[in-house]
Amino acid sequence: DPYVKITLQIVENRNSVIDFARTHTVPKTLNPVWNQDFLFRVDPIKHRLVFEIFDHNKLVSIQYFILLKNK
C-alpha cells in the first residue's frame, strides 16, 4: 500500500519545509503508478525536493533526495 510524500526544503536547513504534497495510496501493489501532478515554486540554487516512499501499513520509508541544478 505505497504512497509518496514530496517535500520542498531549503538546501542548508533540512528541517525547513517550504511546501509538501502527498500522493494517494495505491493498495496491494509493489509496482505503483500514481500519475499525479504537483506544482512547486523552486529555486534550483536554494531548494531541494525530497521524495519519501511509505507503506501505508508500516512505519518505514525510503528517501530519495533530488538536488536541483540550474542550467
PDB file of N, CA and C in Angstrom:
ATOM      1  N   ASP A   1       0.828  -1.194   0.000  1.00  0.00           N
ATOM      2  CA  ASP A   1       0.000   0.000   0.000  1.00  0.00           C
ATOM      3  C   ASP A   1       0.873   1.259   0.000  1.00  0.00           C
ATOM      4  N   PRO A   2       1.674   1.468  -1.049  1.00  0.00           N
ATOM      5  CA  PRO A   2       2.627   2.582  -1.058  1.00  0.00           C
ATOM      6  C   PRO A   2       1.988   3.938  -1.364  1.00  0.00           C
ATOM      7  N   TYR A   3       2.635   4.961  -0.840  1.00  0.00           N
ATOM      8  CA  TYR A   3       2.335   6.346  -1.190  1.00  0.00           C
ATOM      9  C   TYR A   3       3.624   7.144  -1.062  1.00  0.00           C
ATOM     10  N   VAL A   4       3.647   8.335  -1.642  1.00  0.00           N
ATOM     11  CA  VAL A   4       4.849   9.166  -1.642  1.00  0.00           C
ATOM     12  C   VAL A   4       4.539  10.513  -1.011  1.00  0.00           C
ATOM     13  N   LYS A   5       5.445  10.952  -0.156  1.00  0.00           N
ATOM     14  CA  LYS A   5       5.390  12.304   0.401  1.00  0.00           C
ATOM     15  C   LYS A   5       6.512  13.098  -0.261  1.00  0.00           C
ATOM     16  N   ILE A   6       6.171  14.232  -0.856  1.00  0.00           N
ATOM     17  CA  ILE A   6       7.131  15.088  -1.554  1.00  0.00           C
ATOM     18  C   ILE A   6       7.278  16.369  -0.743  1.00  0.00           C
ATOM     19  N   THR A   7       8.514  16.690  -0.384  1.00  0.00           N
ATOM     20  CA  THR A   7       8.772  17.863   0.442  1.00  0.00           C
ATOM     21  C   THR A   7       9.759  18.777  -0.261  1.00  0.00           C
ATOM     22  N   LEU A   8       9.446  20.065  -0.287  1.00  0.00           N
ATOM     23  CA  LEU A   8      10.364  21.081  -0.797  1.00  0.00           C
ATOM     24  C   LEU A   8      11.072  21.687   0.407  1.00  0.00           C
ATOM     25  N   GLN A   9      12.408  21.584   0.414  1.00  0.00           N
ATOM     26  CA  GLN A   9      13.204  22.050   1.548  1.00  0.00           C
ATOM     27  C   GLN A   9      14.250  23.057   1.096  1.00  0.00           C
ATOM     28  N   ILE A  10      14.753  23.818   2.074  1.00  0.00           N
ATOM     29  CA  ILE A  10      15.913  24.672   1.841  1.00  0.00           C
ATOM     30  C   ILE A  10      17.147  23.787   1.967  1.00  0.00           C
ATOM     31  N   VAL A  11      18.080  23.886   1.019  1.00  0.00           N
ATOM     32  CA  VAL A  11      19.252  23.017   0.988  1.00  0.00           C
ATOM     33  C   VAL A  11      20.043  23.095   2.290  1.00  0.00           C
ATOM     34  N   GLU A  12      20.248  24.294   2.827  1.00  0.00           N
ATOM     35  CA  GLU A  12      21.088  24.466   4.009  1.00  0.00           C
ATOM     36  C   GLU A  12      20.410  24.035   5.306  1.00  0.00           C
ATOM     37  N   ASN A  13      19.092  23.866   5.296  1.00  0.00           N
ATOM     38  CA  ASN A  13      18.377  23.545   6.524  1.00  0.00           C
ATOM     39  C   ASN A  13      17.315  22.485   6.234  1.00  0.00           C
ATOM     40  N   ARG A  14      17.639  21.240   6.482  1.00  0.00           N
ATOM     41  CA  ARG A  14      16.716  20.136   6.171  1.00  0.00           C
ATOM     42  C   ARG A  14      15.433  20.191   6.985  1.00  0.00           C
ATOM     43  N   ASN A  15      15.456  20.892   8.110  1.00  0.00           N
ATOM     44  CA  ASN A  15      14.256  20.987   8.939  1.00  0.00           C
ATOM     45  C   ASN A  15      13.294  22.060   8.447  1.00  0.00           C
ATOM     46  N   SER A  16      13.710  22.820   7.464  1.00  0.00           N
ATOM     47  CA  SER A  16      12.884  23.906   6.950  1.00  0.00           C
ATOM     48  C   SER A  16      12.053  23.405   5.766  1.00  0.00           C
ATOM     49  N   VAL A  17      10.775  23.192   6.003  1.00  0.00           N
ATOM     50  CA  VAL A  17       9.867  22.718   4.956  1.00  0.00           C
ATOM     51  C   VAL A  17       9.124  23.920   4.386  1.00  0.00           C
ATOM     52  N   ILE A  18       9.272  24.124   3.085  1.00  0.00           N
ATOM     53  CA  ILE A  18       8.599  25.229   2.410  1.00  0.00           C
ATOM     54  C   ILE A  18       7.205  24.808   1.956  1.00  0.00           C
ATOM     55  N   ASP A  19       7.126  23.605   1.392  1.00  0.00           N
ATOM     56  CA  ASP A  19       5.859  23.098   0.877  1.00  0.00           C
ATOM     57  C   ASP A  19       5.938  21.577   0.839  1.00  0.00           C
ATOM     58  N   PHE A  20       4.795  20.929   0.777  1.00  0.00           N
ATOM     59  CA  PHE A  20       4.787  19.473   0.685  1.00  0.00           C
ATOM     60  C   PHE A  20       3.503  19.007   0.004  1.00  0.00           C
ATOM     61  N   ALA A  21       3.549  17.769  -0.474  1.00  0.00           N
ATOM     62  CA  ALA A  21       2.385  17.136  -1.086  1.00  0.00           C
ATOM     63  C   ALA A  21       2.458  15.644  -0.803  1.00  0.00           C
ATOM     64  N   ARG A  22       1.336  14.973  -0.998  1.00  0.00           N
ATOM     65  CA  ARG A  22       1.272  13.532  -0.758  1.00  0.00           C
ATOM     66  C   ARG A  22       0.419  12.903  -1.849  1.00  0.00           C
ATOM     67  N   THR A  23       0.898  11.794  -2.372  1.00  0.00           N
ATOM     68  CA  THR A  23       0.115  11.068  -3.368  1.00  0.00           C
ATOM     69  C   THR A  23      -0.982  10.267  -2.676  1.00  0.00           C
ATOM     70  N   HIS A  24      -1.863   9.734  -3.469  1.00  0.00           N
ATOM     71  CA  HIS A  24      -2.837   8.807  -2.903  1.00  0.00           C
ATOM     72  C   HIS A  24      -2.155   7.453  -2.670  1.00  0.00           C
ATOM     73  N   THR A  25      -2.745   6.637  -1.861  1.00  0.00           N
ATOM     74  CA  THR A  25      -2.226   5.299  -1.575  1.00  0.00           C
ATOM     75  C   THR A  25      -2.704   4.339  -2.656  1.00  0.00           C
ATOM     76  N   VAL A  26      -1.767   3.541  -3.164  1.00  0.00           N
ATOM     77  CA  VAL A  26      -2.123   2.524  -4.160  1.00  0.00           C
ATOM     78  C   VAL A  26      -2.157   1.177  -3.435  1.00  0.00           C
ATOM     79  N   PRO A  27      -3.330   0.610  -3.252  1.00  0.00           N
ATOM     80  CA  PRO A  27      -3.430  -0.607  -2.441  1.00  0.00           C
ATOM     81  C   PRO A  27      -2.868  -1.852  -3.116  1.00  0.00           C
ATOM     82  N   LYS A  28      -2.249  -2.668  -2.304  1.00  0.00           N
ATOM     83  CA  LYS A  28      -1.847  -4.038  -2.655  1.00  0.00           C
ATOM     84  C   LYS A  28      -1.029  -4.142  -3.933  1.00  0.00           C
ATOM     85  N   THR A  29       0.065  -3.373  -4.013  1.00  0.00           N
ATOM     86  CA  THR A  29       0.944  -3.479  -5.177  1.00  0.00           C
ATOM     87  C   THR A  29       2.383  -3.173  -4.788  1.00  0.00           C
ATOM     88  N   LEU A  30       3.308  -3.785  -5.511  1.00  0.00           N
ATOM     89  CA  LEU A  30       4.729  -3.468  -5.364  1.00  0.00           C
ATOM     90  C   LEU A  30       5.218  -2.627  -6.541  1.00  0.00           C
ATOM     91  N   ASN A  31       4.337  -2.363  -7.489  1.00  0.00           N
ATOM     92  CA  ASN A  31       4.670  -1.568  -8.672  1.00  0.00           C
ATOM     93  C   ASN A  31       3.628  -0.469  -8.874  1.00  0.00           C
ATOM     94  N   PRO A  32       3.594   0.491  -7.980  1.00  0.00           N
ATOM     95  CA  PRO A  32       2.548   1.518  -8.055  1.00  0.00           C
ATOM     96  C   PRO A  32       2.768   2.503  -9.196  1.00  0.00           C
ATOM     97  N   VAL A  33       1.673   3.002  -9.715  1.00  0.00           N
ATOM     98  CA  VAL A  33       1.680   4.096 -10.685  1.00  0.00           C
ATOM     99  C   VAL A  33       0.748   5.159 -10.129  1.00  0.00           C
ATOM    100  N   TRP A  34       1.279   6.363  -9.907  1.00  0.00           N
ATOM    101  CA  TRP A  34       0.459   7.408  -9.307  1.00  0.00           C
ATOM    102  C   TRP A  34      -0.158   8.340 -10.344  1.00  0.00           C
ATOM    103  N   ASN A  35       0.605   8.712 -11.352  1.00  0.00           N
ATOM    104  CA  ASN A  35       0.104   9.576 -12.419  1.00  0.00           C
ATOM    105  C   ASN A  35      -0.607  10.818 -11.858  1.00  0.00           C
ATOM    106  N   GLN A  36       0.063  11.501 -10.930  1.00  0.00           N
ATOM    107  CA  GLN A  36      -0.462  12.713 -10.317  1.00  0.00           C
ATOM    108  C   GLN A  36       0.505  13.860 -10.584  1.00  0.00           C
ATOM    109  N   ASP A  37      -0.030  15.054 -10.676  1.00  0.00           N
ATOM    110  CA  ASP A  37       0.792  16.243 -10.888  1.00  0.00           C
ATOM    111  C   ASP A  37       0.817  17.085  -9.622  1.00  0.00           C
ATOM    112  N   PHE A  38       2.001  17.647  -9.341  1.00  0.00           N
ATOM    113  CA  PHE A  38       2.166  18.562  -8.220  1.00  0.00           C
ATOM    114  C   PHE A  38       2.961  19.758  -8.716  1.00  0.00           C
ATOM    115  N   LEU A  39       2.654  20.918  -8.202  1.00  0.00           N
ATOM    116  CA  LEU A  39       3.326  22.139  -8.628  1.00  0.00           C
ATOM    117  C   LEU A  39       4.028  22.767  -7.431  1.00  0.00           C
ATOM    118  N   PHE A  40       5.343  22.991  -7.577  1.00  0.00           N
ATOM    119  CA  PHE A  40       6.143  23.641  -6.548  1.00  0.00           C
ATOM    120  C   PHE A  40       6.880  24.818  -7.176  1.00  0.00           C
ATOM    121  N   ARG A  41       7.005  25.905  -6.440  1.00  0.00           N
ATOM    122  CA  ARG A  41       7.853  27.024  -6.863  1.00  0.00           C
ATOM    123  C   ARG A  41       9.247  26.752  -6.326  1.00  0.00           C
ATOM    124  N   VAL A  42      10.181  26.490  -7.230  1.00  0.00           N
ATOM    125  CA  VAL A  42      11.505  26.016  -6.835  1.00  0.00           C
ATOM    126  C   VAL A  42      12.585  26.975  -7.309  1.00  0.00           C
ATOM    127  N   ASP A  43      13.497  27.289  -6.405  1.00  0.00           N
ATOM    128  CA  ASP A  43      14.733  27.990  -6.754  1.00  0.00           C
ATOM    129  C   ASP A  43      15.821  26.915  -6.786  1.00  0.00           C
ATOM    130  N   PRO A  44      16.347  26.570  -7.960  1.00  0.00           N
ATOM    131  CA  PRO A  44      17.289  25.456  -8.079  1.00  0.00           C
ATOM    132  C   PRO A  44      18.555  25.606  -7.234  1.00  0.00           C
ATOM    133  N   ILE A  45      18.902  26.814  -6.879  1.00  0.00           N
ATOM    134  CA  ILE A  45      20.105  27.029  -6.071  1.00  0.00           C
ATOM    135  C   ILE A  45      19.809  26.834  -4.582  1.00  0.00           C
ATOM    136  N   LYS A  46      18.637  27.212  -4.138  1.00  0.00           N
ATOM    137  CA  LYS A  46      18.320  27.210  -2.706  1.00  0.00           C
ATOM    138  C   LYS A  46      17.522  25.998  -2.230  1.00  0.00           C
ATOM    139  N   HIS A  47      16.870  25.301  -3.136  1.00  0.00           N
ATOM    140  CA  HIS A  47      15.905  24.280  -2.731  1.00  0.00           C
ATOM    141  C   HIS A  47      16.300  22.876  -3.173  1.00  0.00           C
ATOM    142  N   ARG A  48      15.682  21.908  -2.536  1.00  0.00           N
ATOM    143  CA  ARG A  48      15.774  20.516  -2.977  1.00  0.00           C
ATOM    144  C   ARG A  48      14.428  19.856  -2.748  1.00  0.00           C
ATOM    145  N   LEU A  49      14.158  18.835  -3.541  1.00  0.00           N
ATOM    146  CA  LEU A  49      12.941  18.045  -3.383  1.00  0.00           C
ATOM    147  C   LEU A  49      13.309  16.718  -2.732  1.00  0.00           C
ATOM    148  N   VAL A  50      12.522  16.311  -1.764  1.00  0.00           N
ATOM    149  CA  VAL A  50      12.729  15.036  -1.083  1.00  0.00           C
ATOM    150  C   VAL A  50      11.507  14.165  -1.349  1.00  0.00           C
ATOM    151  N   PHE A  51      11.752  12.972  -1.874  1.00  0.00           N
ATOM    152  CA  PHE A  51      10.681  12.013  -2.131  1.00  0.00           C
ATOM    153  C   PHE A  51      10.823  10.883  -1.115  1.00  0.00           C
ATOM    154  N   GLU A  52       9.819  10.701  -0.288  1.00  0.00           N
ATOM    155  CA  GLU A  52       9.813   9.619   0.692  1.00  0.00           C
ATOM    156  C   GLU A  52       8.705   8.648   0.323  1.00  0.00           C
ATOM    157  N   ILE A  53       9.077   7.388   0.165  1.00  0.00           N
ATOM    158  CA  ILE A  53       8.113   6.355  -0.185  1.00  0.00           C
ATOM    159  C   ILE A  53       7.747   5.602   1.089  1.00  0.00           C
ATOM    160  N   PHE A  54       6.456   5.560   1.379  1.00  0.00           N
ATOM    161  CA  PHE A  54       5.965   4.917   2.591  1.00  0.00           C
ATOM    162  C   PHE A  54       5.063   3.745   2.246  1.00  0.00           C
ATOM    163  N   ASP A  55       4.992   2.805   3.157  1.00  0.00           N
ATOM    164  CA  ASP A  55       3.975   1.762   3.113  1.00  0.00           C
ATOM    165  C   ASP A  55       2.905   2.172   4.113  1.00  0.00           C
ATOM    166  N   HIS A  56       1.689   2.284   3.656  1.00  0.00           N
ATOM    167  CA  HIS A  56       0.587   2.750   4.500  1.00  0.00           C
ATOM    168  C   HIS A  56       0.435   1.926   5.783  1.00  0.00           C
ATOM    169  N   ASN A  57       0.778   0.652   5.723  1.00  0.00           N
ATOM    170  CA  ASN A  57       0.587  -0.240   6.867  1.00  0.00           C
ATOM    171  C   ASN A  57       1.812  -0.361   7.770  1.00  0.00           C
ATOM    172  N   LYS A  58       2.922   0.297   7.413  1.00  0.00           N
ATOM    173  CA  LYS A  58       4.155   0.152   8.187  1.00  0.00           C
ATOM    174  C   LYS A  58       4.751   1.518   8.486  1.00  0.00           C
ATOM    175  N   LEU A  59       5.645   1.547   9.445  1.00  0.00           N
ATOM    176  CA  LEU A  59       6.312   2.791   9.827  1.00  0.00           C
ATOM    177  C   LEU A  59       7.709   2.870   9.227  1.00  0.00           C
ATOM    178  N   VAL A  60       7.843   2.568   7.967  1.00  0.00           N
ATOM    179  CA  VAL A  60       9.131   2.635   7.284  1.00  0.00           C
ATOM    180  C   VAL A  60       9.023   3.543   6.071  1.00  0.00           C
ATOM    181  N   SER A  61      10.162   4.108   5.694  1.00  0.00           N
ATOM    182  CA  SER A  61      10.187   4.927   4.482  1.00  0.00           C
ATOM    183  C   SER A  61      11.530   4.777   3.797  1.00  0.00           C
ATOM    184  N   ILE A  62      11.526   5.049   2.514  1.00  0.00           N
ATOM    185  CA  ILE A  62      12.747   5.129   1.716  1.00  0.00           C
ATOM    186  C   ILE A  62      12.802   6.553   1.203  1.00  0.00           C
ATOM    187  N   GLN A  63      13.952   7.198   1.354  1.00  0.00           N
ATOM    188  CA  GLN A  63      14.060   8.596   0.941  1.00  0.00           C
ATOM    189  C   GLN A  63      14.892   8.720  -0.328  1.00  0.00           C
ATOM    190  N   TYR A  64      14.424   9.587  -1.215  1.00  0.00           N
ATOM    191  CA  TYR A  64      15.164   9.964  -2.409  1.00  0.00           C
ATOM    192  C   TYR A  64      15.305  11.476  -2.389  1.00  0.00           C
ATOM    193  N   PHE A  65      16.535  11.951  -2.476  1.00  0.00           N
ATOM    194  CA  PHE A  65      16.784  13.387  -2.472  1.00  0.00           C
ATOM    195  C   PHE A  65      17.094  13.830  -3.896  1.00  0.00           C
ATOM    196  N   ILE A  66      16.440  14.871  -4.319  1.00  0.00           N
ATOM    197  CA  ILE A  66      16.671  15.419  -5.645  1.00  0.00           C
ATOM    198  C   ILE A  66      17.256  16.812  -5.475  1.00  0.00           C
ATOM    199  N   LEU A  67      18.512  16.966  -5.836  1.00  0.00           N
ATOM    200  CA  LEU A  67      19.118  18.287  -5.825  1.00  0.00           C
ATOM    201  C   LEU A  67      18.907  18.894  -7.198  1.00  0.00           C
ATOM    202  N   LEU A  68      18.435  20.101  -7.224  1.00  0.00           N
ATOM    203  CA  LEU A  68      18.086  20.756  -8.474  1.00  0.00           C
ATOM    204  C   LEU A  68      19.265  21.559  -8.985  1.00  0.00           C
ATOM    205  N   LYS A  69      19.515  21.479 -10.270  1.00  0.00           N
ATOM    206  CA  LYS A  69      20.621  22.212 -10.881  1.00  0.00           C
ATOM    207  C   LYS A  69      20.084  23.272 -11.819  1.00  0.00           C
ATOM    208  N   ASN A  70      20.728  24.406 -11.796  1.00  0.00           N
ATOM    209  CA  ASN A  70      20.395  25.478 -12.716  1.00  0.00           C
ATOM    210  C   ASN A  70      21.215  25.265 -13.980  1.00  0.00           C
ATOM    211  N   LYS A  71      20.591  25.274 -15.137  1.00  0.00           N
ATOM    212  CA  LYS A  71      21.312  25.012 -16.396  1.00  0.00           C
ATOM    213  C   LYS A  71      22.214  26.143 -16.786  1.00  0.00           C
TER     214      LYS A  71
END
